[in-house]
N, C-alpha and C. Protein backbone atom coordinates (compact mmCIF):
# COMPACT_ATOMS: atom_id res chain seq x y z
N MET A 1 -0.35 -14.49 -11.37
CA MET A 1 -0.81 -14.33 -10.01
C MET A 1 -0.92 -15.70 -9.37
N SER A 2 -0.88 -15.69 -8.10
CA SER A 2 -0.81 -16.95 -7.37
C SER A 2 -2.02 -17.16 -6.47
N ASP A 3 -2.16 -18.36 -5.93
CA ASP A 3 -3.22 -18.63 -5.03
C ASP A 3 -2.89 -18.26 -3.64
N ASN A 4 -3.91 -18.18 -2.76
CA ASN A 4 -3.74 -17.71 -1.38
C ASN A 4 -2.80 -18.61 -0.56
N SER A 5 -2.74 -19.88 -0.87
CA SER A 5 -1.92 -20.81 -0.06
C SER A 5 -0.44 -20.45 -0.05
N GLN A 6 0.02 -19.78 -1.07
CA GLN A 6 1.44 -19.46 -1.10
C GLN A 6 1.81 -18.47 -0.03
N CYS A 7 0.90 -17.60 0.41
CA CYS A 7 1.24 -16.63 1.43
C CYS A 7 1.50 -17.28 2.76
N ASN A 8 0.91 -18.45 3.01
CA ASN A 8 1.14 -19.16 4.25
C ASN A 8 2.49 -19.81 4.27
N ASP A 9 3.07 -20.10 3.11
CA ASP A 9 4.36 -20.82 3.04
C ASP A 9 5.55 -19.90 3.00
N PHE A 10 5.40 -18.75 2.31
CA PHE A 10 6.53 -17.82 2.15
C PHE A 10 5.95 -16.45 1.73
N LYS A 11 6.73 -15.47 1.88
CA LYS A 11 6.33 -14.11 1.34
C LYS A 11 7.15 -13.82 0.10
N TYR A 12 6.60 -13.12 -0.79
CA TYR A 12 7.29 -12.80 -2.04
C TYR A 12 7.03 -11.35 -2.38
N LEU A 13 7.81 -10.83 -3.28
CA LEU A 13 7.66 -9.49 -3.79
C LEU A 13 7.14 -9.55 -5.18
N CYS A 14 6.05 -8.88 -5.45
CA CYS A 14 5.48 -8.85 -6.79
C CYS A 14 5.56 -7.40 -7.29
N ALA A 15 6.23 -7.17 -8.41
CA ALA A 15 6.29 -5.82 -8.97
C ALA A 15 5.41 -5.79 -10.24
N ILE A 16 4.56 -4.80 -10.27
CA ILE A 16 3.73 -4.55 -11.43
C ILE A 16 4.26 -3.29 -12.07
N ILE A 17 4.87 -3.40 -13.20
CA ILE A 17 5.48 -2.27 -13.84
C ILE A 17 4.93 -2.21 -15.26
N ARG A 18 4.18 -1.13 -15.55
CA ARG A 18 3.59 -0.94 -16.85
C ARG A 18 3.55 0.52 -17.16
N LYS A 19 3.35 0.86 -18.43
CA LYS A 19 3.21 2.21 -18.88
C LYS A 19 1.96 2.82 -18.36
N PRO A 20 1.90 4.17 -18.30
CA PRO A 20 0.62 4.81 -17.87
C PRO A 20 -0.57 4.34 -18.70
N GLN A 21 -1.70 4.25 -18.03
CA GLN A 21 -2.97 3.87 -18.60
C GLN A 21 -3.00 2.45 -19.16
N GLU A 22 -2.16 1.55 -18.57
CA GLU A 22 -2.21 0.15 -19.02
C GLU A 22 -2.71 -0.79 -17.98
N GLY A 23 -3.46 -0.30 -17.02
CA GLY A 23 -4.18 -1.18 -16.08
C GLY A 23 -3.40 -1.62 -14.85
N LYS A 24 -2.36 -0.89 -14.42
CA LYS A 24 -1.62 -1.24 -13.24
C LYS A 24 -2.52 -1.32 -11.98
N THR A 25 -3.37 -0.33 -11.85
CA THR A 25 -4.23 -0.30 -10.65
C THR A 25 -5.12 -1.51 -10.61
N PHE A 26 -5.76 -1.82 -11.70
CA PHE A 26 -6.67 -3.01 -11.75
C PHE A 26 -5.91 -4.27 -11.46
N ILE A 27 -4.77 -4.45 -12.06
CA ILE A 27 -3.92 -5.67 -11.81
C ILE A 27 -3.53 -5.75 -10.34
N CYS A 28 -3.10 -4.63 -9.77
CA CYS A 28 -2.69 -4.59 -8.39
C CYS A 28 -3.83 -4.93 -7.46
N LEU A 29 -5.00 -4.34 -7.68
CA LEU A 29 -6.13 -4.64 -6.85
C LEU A 29 -6.58 -6.09 -6.98
N GLU A 30 -6.48 -6.67 -8.15
CA GLU A 30 -6.79 -8.11 -8.33
C GLU A 30 -5.80 -8.93 -7.56
N ASN A 31 -4.55 -8.59 -7.59
CA ASN A 31 -3.52 -9.33 -6.81
C ASN A 31 -3.78 -9.26 -5.34
N ILE A 32 -4.20 -8.11 -4.82
CA ILE A 32 -4.54 -8.01 -3.41
C ILE A 32 -5.69 -8.92 -3.14
N ARG A 33 -6.75 -8.90 -3.95
CA ARG A 33 -7.96 -9.73 -3.73
C ARG A 33 -7.58 -11.19 -3.72
N GLU A 34 -6.78 -11.65 -4.69
CA GLU A 34 -6.42 -13.06 -4.81
C GLU A 34 -5.46 -13.51 -3.69
N ASN A 35 -4.71 -12.60 -3.08
CA ASN A 35 -3.76 -12.94 -2.05
C ASN A 35 -4.12 -12.20 -0.77
N ALA A 36 -5.32 -12.44 -0.26
CA ALA A 36 -5.87 -11.71 0.89
C ALA A 36 -5.10 -11.95 2.19
N ASP A 37 -4.36 -13.03 2.32
CA ASP A 37 -3.67 -13.31 3.54
C ASP A 37 -2.22 -12.73 3.56
N CYS A 38 -1.90 -11.90 2.66
CA CYS A 38 -0.55 -11.32 2.54
C CYS A 38 -0.59 -9.84 2.96
N TYR A 39 0.55 -9.29 3.30
CA TYR A 39 0.70 -7.84 3.45
C TYR A 39 1.08 -7.30 2.06
N HIS A 40 0.52 -6.18 1.66
CA HIS A 40 0.79 -5.64 0.38
C HIS A 40 1.33 -4.24 0.49
N LEU A 41 2.57 -4.02 -0.01
CA LEU A 41 3.17 -2.73 -0.04
C LEU A 41 3.02 -2.16 -1.47
N ILE A 42 2.23 -1.11 -1.60
CA ILE A 42 1.94 -0.54 -2.93
C ILE A 42 2.78 0.70 -3.05
N ILE A 43 3.58 0.80 -4.08
CA ILE A 43 4.47 1.94 -4.29
C ILE A 43 3.92 2.70 -5.51
N THR A 44 3.49 3.96 -5.27
CA THR A 44 2.94 4.82 -6.35
C THR A 44 3.97 5.76 -6.83
N MET A 45 3.63 6.58 -7.76
CA MET A 45 4.56 7.66 -8.20
C MET A 45 4.86 8.54 -6.99
N ASN A 46 5.92 9.30 -7.09
CA ASN A 46 6.40 10.02 -5.93
C ASN A 46 5.61 11.33 -5.64
N THR A 47 4.30 11.13 -5.43
CA THR A 47 3.47 12.27 -5.07
C THR A 47 2.41 11.80 -4.08
N ILE A 48 2.07 12.66 -3.13
CA ILE A 48 1.03 12.33 -2.17
C ILE A 48 -0.28 12.16 -2.90
N LYS A 49 -0.51 12.95 -3.98
CA LYS A 49 -1.75 12.80 -4.79
C LYS A 49 -1.90 11.39 -5.30
N SER A 50 -0.81 10.76 -5.79
CA SER A 50 -0.87 9.42 -6.27
C SER A 50 -1.21 8.41 -5.20
N ASN A 51 -0.68 8.66 -3.98
CA ASN A 51 -1.03 7.79 -2.79
C ASN A 51 -2.54 7.85 -2.61
N LEU A 52 -3.05 9.04 -2.56
CA LEU A 52 -4.46 9.17 -2.23
C LEU A 52 -5.38 8.69 -3.36
N GLN A 53 -4.92 8.84 -4.61
CA GLN A 53 -5.75 8.32 -5.70
C GLN A 53 -5.83 6.76 -5.64
N PHE A 54 -4.72 6.13 -5.39
CA PHE A 54 -4.73 4.65 -5.26
C PHE A 54 -5.58 4.26 -4.07
N PHE A 55 -5.45 5.02 -2.92
CA PHE A 55 -6.27 4.75 -1.74
C PHE A 55 -7.72 4.75 -2.07
N GLU A 56 -8.19 5.79 -2.77
CA GLU A 56 -9.65 5.86 -3.14
C GLU A 56 -10.09 4.65 -3.90
N ARG A 57 -9.27 4.18 -4.88
CA ARG A 57 -9.61 3.01 -5.66
C ARG A 57 -9.62 1.71 -4.83
N ALA A 58 -8.64 1.63 -3.96
CA ALA A 58 -8.52 0.43 -3.10
C ALA A 58 -9.65 0.43 -2.06
N LYS A 59 -10.02 1.55 -1.51
CA LYS A 59 -11.05 1.65 -0.53
C LYS A 59 -12.39 1.10 -1.04
N GLU A 60 -12.66 1.41 -2.31
CA GLU A 60 -13.91 0.94 -2.90
C GLU A 60 -14.00 -0.58 -2.88
N ARG A 61 -12.90 -1.25 -2.98
CA ARG A 61 -12.93 -2.77 -3.01
C ARG A 61 -12.59 -3.37 -1.66
N PHE A 62 -11.78 -2.75 -0.81
CA PHE A 62 -11.31 -3.40 0.41
C PHE A 62 -11.64 -2.70 1.71
N GLY A 63 -12.40 -1.63 1.64
CA GLY A 63 -12.77 -0.94 2.87
C GLY A 63 -11.69 -0.03 3.37
N GLU A 64 -11.67 0.26 4.65
CA GLU A 64 -10.81 1.31 5.17
C GLU A 64 -9.61 0.83 5.94
N LYS A 65 -9.28 -0.41 5.99
CA LYS A 65 -8.11 -0.97 6.70
C LYS A 65 -6.90 -0.86 5.79
N ILE A 66 -6.64 0.34 5.28
CA ILE A 66 -5.54 0.60 4.39
C ILE A 66 -4.66 1.73 4.97
N CYS A 67 -3.39 1.50 5.05
CA CYS A 67 -2.48 2.49 5.64
C CYS A 67 -1.83 3.30 4.49
N VAL A 68 -1.93 4.61 4.62
CA VAL A 68 -1.25 5.52 3.66
C VAL A 68 -0.02 6.07 4.33
N PHE A 69 1.09 5.72 3.82
CA PHE A 69 2.41 6.09 4.43
C PHE A 69 2.98 7.26 3.62
N ASN A 70 2.92 8.45 4.22
CA ASN A 70 3.52 9.62 3.55
C ASN A 70 4.02 10.59 4.60
N SER A 71 4.70 11.63 4.11
CA SER A 71 5.36 12.55 5.02
C SER A 71 4.48 13.63 5.55
N LYS A 72 3.23 13.70 5.16
CA LYS A 72 2.30 14.71 5.70
C LYS A 72 2.26 14.58 7.18
N THR A 73 2.41 15.66 7.93
CA THR A 73 2.35 15.59 9.36
C THR A 73 0.92 15.66 9.92
N SER A 74 -0.02 16.05 9.09
CA SER A 74 -1.39 16.20 9.54
C SER A 74 -2.34 15.60 8.54
N LYS A 75 -3.43 15.00 9.01
CA LYS A 75 -4.47 14.46 8.11
C LYS A 75 -5.45 15.49 7.76
N LYS A 76 -5.41 16.73 8.24
CA LYS A 76 -6.48 17.68 8.01
C LYS A 76 -6.70 17.96 6.57
N ASP A 77 -5.70 17.93 5.70
CA ASP A 77 -5.85 18.14 4.27
C ASP A 77 -6.03 16.89 3.49
N GLN A 78 -6.13 15.74 4.19
CA GLN A 78 -6.22 14.44 3.52
C GLN A 78 -7.54 13.79 3.84
N ASN A 79 -7.86 12.71 3.17
CA ASN A 79 -9.05 11.92 3.39
C ASN A 79 -9.03 11.42 4.84
N LYS A 80 -10.12 11.58 5.56
CA LYS A 80 -10.18 11.18 6.96
C LYS A 80 -10.31 9.66 7.16
N ASP A 81 -10.67 8.93 6.03
CA ASP A 81 -10.95 7.55 6.15
C ASP A 81 -9.81 6.58 6.21
N PHE A 82 -8.60 7.04 5.85
CA PHE A 82 -7.51 6.07 5.87
C PHE A 82 -6.69 6.11 7.14
N LEU A 83 -5.93 5.05 7.34
CA LEU A 83 -5.00 5.00 8.45
C LEU A 83 -3.72 5.65 7.97
N HIS A 84 -3.30 6.71 8.63
CA HIS A 84 -2.10 7.48 8.21
C HIS A 84 -0.90 7.08 9.00
N ALA A 85 0.24 6.98 8.34
CA ALA A 85 1.51 6.81 9.03
C ALA A 85 2.55 7.74 8.40
N LYS A 86 3.36 8.44 9.17
CA LYS A 86 4.36 9.30 8.61
C LYS A 86 5.75 8.73 8.85
N ASP A 87 5.81 7.58 9.53
CA ASP A 87 7.08 6.87 9.71
C ASP A 87 6.83 5.40 9.82
N VAL A 88 7.98 4.63 9.85
CA VAL A 88 7.87 3.14 9.81
C VAL A 88 7.15 2.63 11.04
N SER A 89 7.39 3.24 12.22
CA SER A 89 6.75 2.76 13.42
C SER A 89 5.22 2.95 13.33
N GLY A 90 4.78 4.01 12.67
CA GLY A 90 3.32 4.20 12.44
C GLY A 90 2.77 3.17 11.53
N VAL A 91 3.52 2.77 10.49
CA VAL A 91 3.06 1.70 9.58
C VAL A 91 2.93 0.39 10.38
N LYS A 92 3.98 0.07 11.12
CA LYS A 92 3.97 -1.17 11.88
C LYS A 92 2.78 -1.21 12.86
N ARG A 93 2.49 -0.09 13.46
CA ARG A 93 1.33 0.01 14.42
C ARG A 93 0.05 -0.30 13.63
N ASN A 94 -0.12 0.27 12.47
CA ASN A 94 -1.30 0.01 11.67
C ASN A 94 -1.39 -1.45 11.17
N LEU A 95 -0.25 -2.06 10.85
CA LEU A 95 -0.24 -3.48 10.48
C LEU A 95 -0.66 -4.33 11.69
N ILE A 96 -0.16 -4.04 12.84
CA ILE A 96 -0.53 -4.80 14.03
C ILE A 96 -2.02 -4.69 14.28
N ASN A 97 -2.63 -3.52 13.97
CA ASN A 97 -4.03 -3.25 14.25
C ASN A 97 -4.94 -3.70 13.08
N GLY A 98 -4.39 -4.45 12.14
CA GLY A 98 -5.28 -5.05 11.12
C GLY A 98 -5.15 -4.59 9.73
N ALA A 99 -4.34 -3.57 9.42
CA ALA A 99 -4.14 -3.17 8.02
C ALA A 99 -3.28 -4.22 7.32
N GLU A 100 -3.63 -4.48 6.09
CA GLU A 100 -2.88 -5.41 5.29
C GLU A 100 -2.34 -4.81 4.02
N VAL A 101 -2.75 -3.55 3.72
CA VAL A 101 -2.33 -2.86 2.55
C VAL A 101 -1.68 -1.56 2.98
N VAL A 102 -0.46 -1.28 2.49
CA VAL A 102 0.24 -0.04 2.75
C VAL A 102 0.55 0.63 1.47
N ILE A 103 0.14 1.88 1.33
CA ILE A 103 0.37 2.66 0.11
C ILE A 103 1.43 3.70 0.42
N MET A 104 2.49 3.74 -0.40
CA MET A 104 3.54 4.73 -0.18
C MET A 104 4.02 5.21 -1.57
N CYS A 105 4.67 6.35 -1.57
CA CYS A 105 5.18 6.90 -2.80
C CYS A 105 6.59 6.42 -3.08
N ALA A 106 7.05 6.56 -4.30
CA ALA A 106 8.37 6.07 -4.70
C ALA A 106 9.46 7.08 -4.38
N HIS A 107 9.48 7.55 -3.16
CA HIS A 107 10.55 8.44 -2.76
C HIS A 107 11.83 7.67 -2.44
N PRO A 108 12.99 8.20 -2.72
CA PRO A 108 14.19 7.48 -2.50
C PRO A 108 14.36 7.00 -1.06
N LYS A 109 13.85 7.76 -0.09
CA LYS A 109 13.91 7.30 1.31
C LYS A 109 13.16 5.98 1.52
N ARG A 110 12.06 5.82 0.82
CA ARG A 110 11.27 4.58 1.01
C ARG A 110 12.10 3.36 0.54
N PHE A 111 12.84 3.54 -0.57
CA PHE A 111 13.67 2.42 -1.09
C PHE A 111 14.92 2.23 -0.24
N ASP A 112 15.50 3.32 0.23
CA ASP A 112 16.76 3.26 0.97
C ASP A 112 16.62 2.68 2.38
N SER A 113 15.50 3.01 3.04
CA SER A 113 15.36 2.55 4.41
C SER A 113 13.97 2.03 4.80
N SER A 114 12.91 2.73 4.42
CA SER A 114 11.55 2.40 4.94
C SER A 114 11.12 0.91 4.61
N ILE A 115 11.29 0.54 3.35
CA ILE A 115 10.88 -0.81 2.98
C ILE A 115 11.78 -1.85 3.71
N LEU A 116 13.02 -1.57 3.82
CA LEU A 116 13.91 -2.54 4.52
C LEU A 116 13.50 -2.61 6.01
N ASP A 117 13.18 -1.51 6.63
CA ASP A 117 12.81 -1.49 8.00
C ASP A 117 11.48 -2.26 8.25
N LEU A 118 10.56 -2.15 7.30
CA LEU A 118 9.30 -2.88 7.38
C LEU A 118 9.56 -4.35 7.28
């Protein structure tokens, strides 16, 4: 993990890849804490449930300025506390308004276009 000053000089991609139950969430949350001046794109398993599970854990440490990027058209069945985006323009709007963490699932569309558009 790196110190905060690196985020001011350049942006980098950090991938945390580990087997289930080996502490990915803890490592990822620590990385966010140590690099508070960066934008963080968190890619979970390809389920909305995984998005929301990571959100709940992140919310405990970082508050509610977290954007959950998924295809749900309505927040009525989801946690009311997060910033929701169903497309890249929604994510960008949330980033402009102060979000620094974006949680999305590992859907092929995210890799093919969404991440590149962001």
